[in-house]
N, C-alpha and C. Protein backbone atom coordinates (compact mmCIF):
# COMPACT_ATOMS: atom_id res chain seq x y z
N MET A 1 -22.76 21.20 6.52
CA MET A 1 -22.45 21.74 5.20
C MET A 1 -23.52 22.35 4.75
N SER A 2 -23.52 23.03 3.79
CA SER A 2 -24.67 23.71 2.78
C SER A 2 -25.15 23.09 2.22
N ALA A 3 -26.48 23.48 1.78
CA ALA A 3 -27.56 22.26 0.85
C ALA A 3 -27.28 22.77 -0.79
N CYS A 4 -26.58 23.05 -1.02
CA CYS A 4 -25.75 23.60 -2.53
C CYS A 4 -25.77 22.33 -3.41
N GLY A 5 -25.88 21.24 -2.98
CA GLY A 5 -25.69 20.12 -3.63
C GLY A 5 -24.39 20.02 -4.66
N CYS A 6 -23.71 20.36 -3.81
CA CYS A 6 -22.20 20.13 -4.33
C CYS A 6 -21.35 19.03 -3.66
N GLU A 7 -22.00 18.07 -2.35
CA GLU A 7 -21.24 16.97 -2.11
C GLU A 7 -21.35 15.57 -3.06
N ILE A 8 -20.64 15.02 -3.30
CA ILE A 8 -20.48 13.81 -3.93
C ILE A 8 -20.10 12.72 -3.02
N GLU A 9 -20.87 11.58 -3.41
CA GLU A 9 -20.65 10.32 -2.69
C GLU A 9 -20.54 9.44 -3.98
N ALA A 10 -19.66 8.65 -3.16
CA ALA A 10 -19.32 7.55 -3.99
C ALA A 10 -20.09 6.09 -3.88
N GLU A 11 -20.48 6.12 -5.12
CA GLU A 11 -21.28 4.77 -5.32
C GLU A 11 -20.80 3.43 -5.38
N SER A 12 -19.13 3.09 -5.59
CA SER A 12 -18.91 1.96 -6.00
C SER A 12 -17.65 2.22 -5.56
N ALA A 13 -16.75 1.57 -5.12
CA ALA A 13 -15.14 1.06 -5.08
C ALA A 13 -14.40 2.17 -5.72
N GLY A 14 -15.05 1.79 -7.23
CA GLY A 14 -14.25 2.61 -8.36
C GLY A 14 -14.11 4.20 -8.53
N GLN A 15 -15.64 4.37 -7.77
CA GLN A 15 -16.02 5.92 -7.53
C GLN A 15 -14.89 6.53 -6.49
N ARG A 16 -14.68 5.93 -5.41
CA ARG A 16 -14.28 6.03 -4.09
C ARG A 16 -12.79 6.23 -4.64
N ARG A 17 -12.28 5.20 -5.29
CA ARG A 17 -10.68 5.36 -6.04
C ARG A 17 -10.26 6.68 -6.80
N ILE A 18 -11.53 6.88 -7.94
CA ILE A 18 -11.38 7.97 -8.29
C ILE A 18 -11.32 9.18 -7.79
N LEU A 19 -12.21 9.33 -6.86
CA LEU A 19 -12.60 10.75 -5.61
C LEU A 19 -10.79 10.64 -4.73
N THR A 20 -10.72 9.80 -4.44
CA THR A 20 -9.00 9.70 -3.46
C THR A 20 -8.12 9.98 -4.28
N ILE A 21 -8.14 9.56 -5.60
CA ILE A 21 -7.36 10.30 -6.30
C ILE A 21 -7.08 11.55 -6.53
N ALA A 22 -8.01 11.82 -7.01
CA ALA A 22 -8.45 13.48 -7.21
C ALA A 22 -8.34 14.37 -5.87
N LEU A 23 -8.19 13.53 -4.46
CA LEU A 23 -8.19 14.18 -3.64
C LEU A 23 -6.62 14.38 -3.33
N VAL A 24 -6.19 13.33 -3.67
CA VAL A 24 -4.41 13.22 -3.32
C VAL A 24 -3.81 14.39 -4.55
N LEU A 25 -4.33 14.48 -5.41
CA LEU A 25 -3.42 15.05 -6.55
C LEU A 25 -3.72 16.93 -6.46
N ASN A 26 -4.95 17.26 -5.95
CA ASN A 26 -5.07 18.43 -5.41
C ASN A 26 -4.20 18.55 -4.69
N ALA A 27 -3.90 18.04 -3.30
CA ALA A 27 -3.23 17.72 -2.18
C ALA A 27 -1.70 18.51 -2.35
N ILE A 28 -1.15 17.32 -3.58
CA ILE A 28 0.00 17.37 -3.87
C ILE A 28 0.11 18.86 -4.71
N MET A 29 -0.83 19.05 -5.39
CA MET A 29 -0.63 20.54 -6.61
C MET A 29 -0.66 21.55 -5.44
N PHE A 30 -1.29 21.82 -4.31
CA PHE A 30 -1.21 22.74 -3.27
C PHE A 30 -0.09 22.75 -2.60
N VAL A 31 0.72 21.55 -2.78
CA VAL A 31 2.32 21.72 -1.69
C VAL A 31 2.81 22.15 -2.30
N ILE A 32 3.12 21.53 -3.91
CA ILE A 32 4.06 22.24 -5.32
C ILE A 32 4.21 23.79 -5.39
N GLY A 33 2.67 24.37 -5.25
CA GLY A 33 2.63 25.80 -4.95
C GLY A 33 3.28 26.44 -4.02
N PHE A 34 2.79 25.93 -2.82
CA PHE A 34 3.28 26.56 -1.66
C PHE A 34 4.65 26.18 -1.71
N ILE A 35 5.51 25.25 -2.61
CA ILE A 35 7.19 25.44 -2.08
C ILE A 35 7.72 25.96 -3.27
N ALA A 36 6.83 26.52 -4.17
CA ALA A 36 7.49 27.29 -5.64
C ALA A 36 7.15 28.61 -4.65
N GLY A 37 5.88 28.97 -3.93
CA GLY A 37 6.05 30.64 -3.45
C GLY A 37 7.05 30.63 -2.48
N ILE A 38 7.62 29.32 -2.11
CA ILE A 38 8.99 29.69 -0.82
C ILE A 38 10.06 29.83 -1.63
N ALA A 39 10.45 29.04 -2.88
CA ALA A 39 11.65 29.16 -3.66
C ALA A 39 11.69 30.55 -4.31
N ASN A 40 10.32 31.41 -4.96
CA ASN A 40 10.25 32.53 -5.13
C ASN A 40 10.66 33.12 -4.50
N LEU A 41 10.37 33.45 -3.21
CA LEU A 41 10.53 34.50 -1.92
C LEU A 41 11.86 34.15 -1.71
N ALA A 42 12.80 32.97 -1.70
CA ALA A 42 14.19 32.99 -1.63
C ALA A 42 15.00 33.32 -2.67
N VAL A 43 14.72 33.13 -4.31
CA VAL A 43 15.11 34.01 -5.16
C VAL A 43 15.11 35.55 -4.97
N LEU A 44 13.57 36.05 -4.60
CA LEU A 44 13.65 37.63 -4.33
C LEU A 44 14.57 38.00 -3.21
N CYS A 45 14.42 37.28 -1.95
CA CYS A 45 15.27 37.68 -1.15
C CYS A 45 17.32 37.47 -1.43
N ALA A 46 17.35 36.70 -2.19
CA ALA A 46 18.68 36.65 -2.68
C ALA A 46 19.27 37.88 -3.34
N ALA A 47 18.03 38.06 -4.40
CA ALA A 47 18.49 39.00 -5.12
C ALA A 47 18.61 40.92 -4.36
N LEU A 48 17.58 40.52 -3.34
CA LEU A 48 17.96 41.97 -2.31
C LEU A 48 19.50 41.67 -1.78
N VAL A 49 19.89 41.10 -1.42
CA VAL A 49 21.18 40.68 -0.57
C VAL A 49 22.04 41.07 -1.51
N VAL A 50 22.01 40.58 -2.73
CA VAL A 50 23.04 40.90 -3.71
C VAL A 50 22.98 42.56 -4.55
N ARG A 51 21.72 42.84 -4.20
CA ARG A 51 21.67 44.43 -4.46
C ARG A 51 22.51 45.52 -3.43
N TRP A 52 21.93 44.98 -2.06
CA TRP A 52 22.27 45.42 -1.04
C TRP A 52 23.94 45.28 -0.58
N THR A 53 24.25 44.42 -0.96
CA THR A 53 25.90 43.82 -0.21
C THR A 53 26.59 43.73 -1.46
N ALA A 54 26.48 43.19 -3.03
CA ALA A 54 27.32 43.12 -3.93
C ALA A 54 27.51 41.40 -3.46
N TRP A 55 26.97 40.61 -2.63
CA TRP A 55 27.61 39.33 -2.65
C TRP A 55 27.13 38.46 -3.44
N ASP A 56 27.52 38.62 -4.95
CA ASP A 56 27.09 37.85 -5.97
C ASP A 56 26.92 36.30 -5.49
N TRP A 57 27.47 35.38 -4.53
CA TRP A 57 27.81 34.16 -4.41
C TRP A 57 26.69 33.57 -4.20
N ILE A 58 25.45 34.67 -3.27
CA ILE A 58 24.20 34.40 -2.57
C ILE A 58 23.48 33.83 -3.70
N ASP A 59 23.05 34.34 -4.67
CA ASP A 59 22.56 34.27 -5.67
C ASP A 59 23.11 32.48 -6.43
N LEU A 60 24.48 31.88 -6.27
CA LEU A 60 24.38 31.16 -6.62
C LEU A 60 24.30 29.98 -5.78
N VAL A 61 24.35 30.21 -4.39
CA VAL A 61 24.03 29.28 -3.35
C VAL A 61 22.47 29.22 -3.57
N VAL A 62 21.39 29.96 -3.26
CA VAL A 62 20.34 29.94 -3.33
C VAL A 62 19.81 29.10 -4.70
N GLY A 63 20.27 29.53 -5.66
CA GLY A 63 20.07 28.42 -6.97
C GLY A 63 20.09 27.28 -6.85
N GLY A 64 21.46 27.05 -6.60
CA GLY A 64 21.99 25.71 -6.57
C GLY A 64 20.94 25.22 -5.18
N LEU A 65 20.79 25.42 -4.01
CA LEU A 65 19.65 24.62 -2.92
C LEU A 65 18.52 24.27 -3.71
N ILE A 66 18.05 25.42 -4.65
CA ILE A 66 16.84 25.08 -5.49
C ILE A 66 16.72 23.89 -6.06
N ALA A 67 17.96 23.71 -6.94
CA ALA A 67 17.99 23.05 -7.56
C ALA A 67 18.31 21.61 -7.19
N ILE A 68 18.93 21.33 -6.02
CA ILE A 68 19.38 20.16 -5.33
C ILE A 68 17.75 19.36 -4.65
N TYR A 69 17.16 20.32 -4.48
CA TYR A 69 15.73 20.32 -4.03
C TYR A 69 15.27 19.62 -5.00
N VAL A 70 14.84 20.09 -6.21
CA VAL A 70 14.12 19.62 -7.24
C VAL A 70 14.43 18.24 -7.75
N ILE A 71 15.92 18.14 -7.87
CA ILE A 71 16.31 16.79 -8.16
C ILE A 71 16.07 15.80 -7.42
N LYS A 72 16.38 16.31 -5.99
CA LYS A 72 15.49 15.14 -4.68
C LYS A 72 14.47 14.51 -5.05
N GLU A 73 13.65 15.85 -5.04
CA GLU A 73 12.05 15.64 -5.59
C GLU A 73 12.09 14.39 -6.83
N ALA A 74 12.82 14.83 -7.99
CA ALA A 74 12.89 14.11 -9.06
C ALA A 74 12.89 12.45 -9.20
N PHE A 75 13.95 12.20 -8.38
CA PHE A 75 14.24 10.84 -7.86
C PHE A 75 13.38 10.35 -6.83
N GLU A 76 12.47 11.27 -5.83
CA GLU A 76 11.63 10.23 -5.12
C GLU A 76 10.38 10.32 -5.75
N ILE A 77 10.05 11.12 -6.88
CA ILE A 77 8.89 10.83 -7.67
C ILE A 77 9.27 9.51 -8.60
N LEU A 78 10.12 9.26 -9.13
CA LEU A 78 10.62 8.14 -9.93
C LEU A 78 10.70 6.62 -9.40
N ALA A 79 10.90 6.82 -7.71
CA ALA A 79 11.50 5.63 -6.88
C ALA A 79 9.55 5.39 -6.66
N THR A 80 8.78 6.30 -6.57
CA THR A 80 7.49 5.88 -6.48
C THR A 80 6.54 5.39 -7.36
N ALA A 81 7.29 5.65 -8.84
CA ALA A 81 6.67 5.30 -10.04
C ALA A 81 7.14 3.92 -10.28
N ARG A 82 8.52 3.75 -9.45
CA ARG A 82 8.80 2.38 -10.08
C ARG A 82 8.03 0.88 -8.97
N ARG A 83 7.76 1.71 -7.71
CA ARG A 83 7.23 0.81 -6.68
C ARG A 83 5.96 0.98 -7.13
N ALA A 84 4.91 1.70 -7.77
CA ALA A 84 3.82 1.59 -8.00
C ALA A 84 3.56 0.32 -9.07
N ALA A 85 4.67 0.69 -10.59
CA ALA A 85 4.62 -0.14 -11.44
C ALA A 85 4.92 -1.66 -11.12
N HIS A 86 5.88 -1.95 -10.38
CA HIS A 86 6.16 -2.90 -9.66
C HIS A 86 5.32 -3.94 -8.91
N SER A 87 4.64 -2.77 -8.12
CA SER A 87 3.14 -3.71 -7.30
C SER A 87 2.21 -3.62 -8.32
N ARG A 88 1.65 -2.97 -9.13
CA ARG A 88 0.78 -3.30 -10.33
C ARG A 88 1.23 -4.49 -11.07
N ARG A 89 2.57 -4.88 -11.36
CA ARG A 89 3.24 -5.85 -11.63
C ARG A 89 2.72 -7.17 -11.42
N TYR A 90 2.74 -7.18 -9.94
CA TYR A 90 2.56 -8.79 -9.09
C TYR A 90 1.54 -8.73 -8.56
N ASP A 91 0.18 -7.84 -8.45
CA ASP A 91 -1.03 -8.16 -8.35
C ASP A 91 -1.89 -8.57 -8.84
């Protein structure tokens, strides 16, 4: 690594926990951004297909698939939050 002074070393377990949470949040934000990019690309491709073929139903299919994915992810987030709340209650 370079000697820029930007390396952070945790001095306690609490600091390590905070740094780990920050790293996980960063990774989640990257994945969400990547998935949003794929969804946007799918919408653009659907628009091109509709334009070239006049198959209007393609737009509905792509939108529906994106909606199903978002709903599935929302339920997974809720389940994770419930598990975290449950584990804190009994720790």
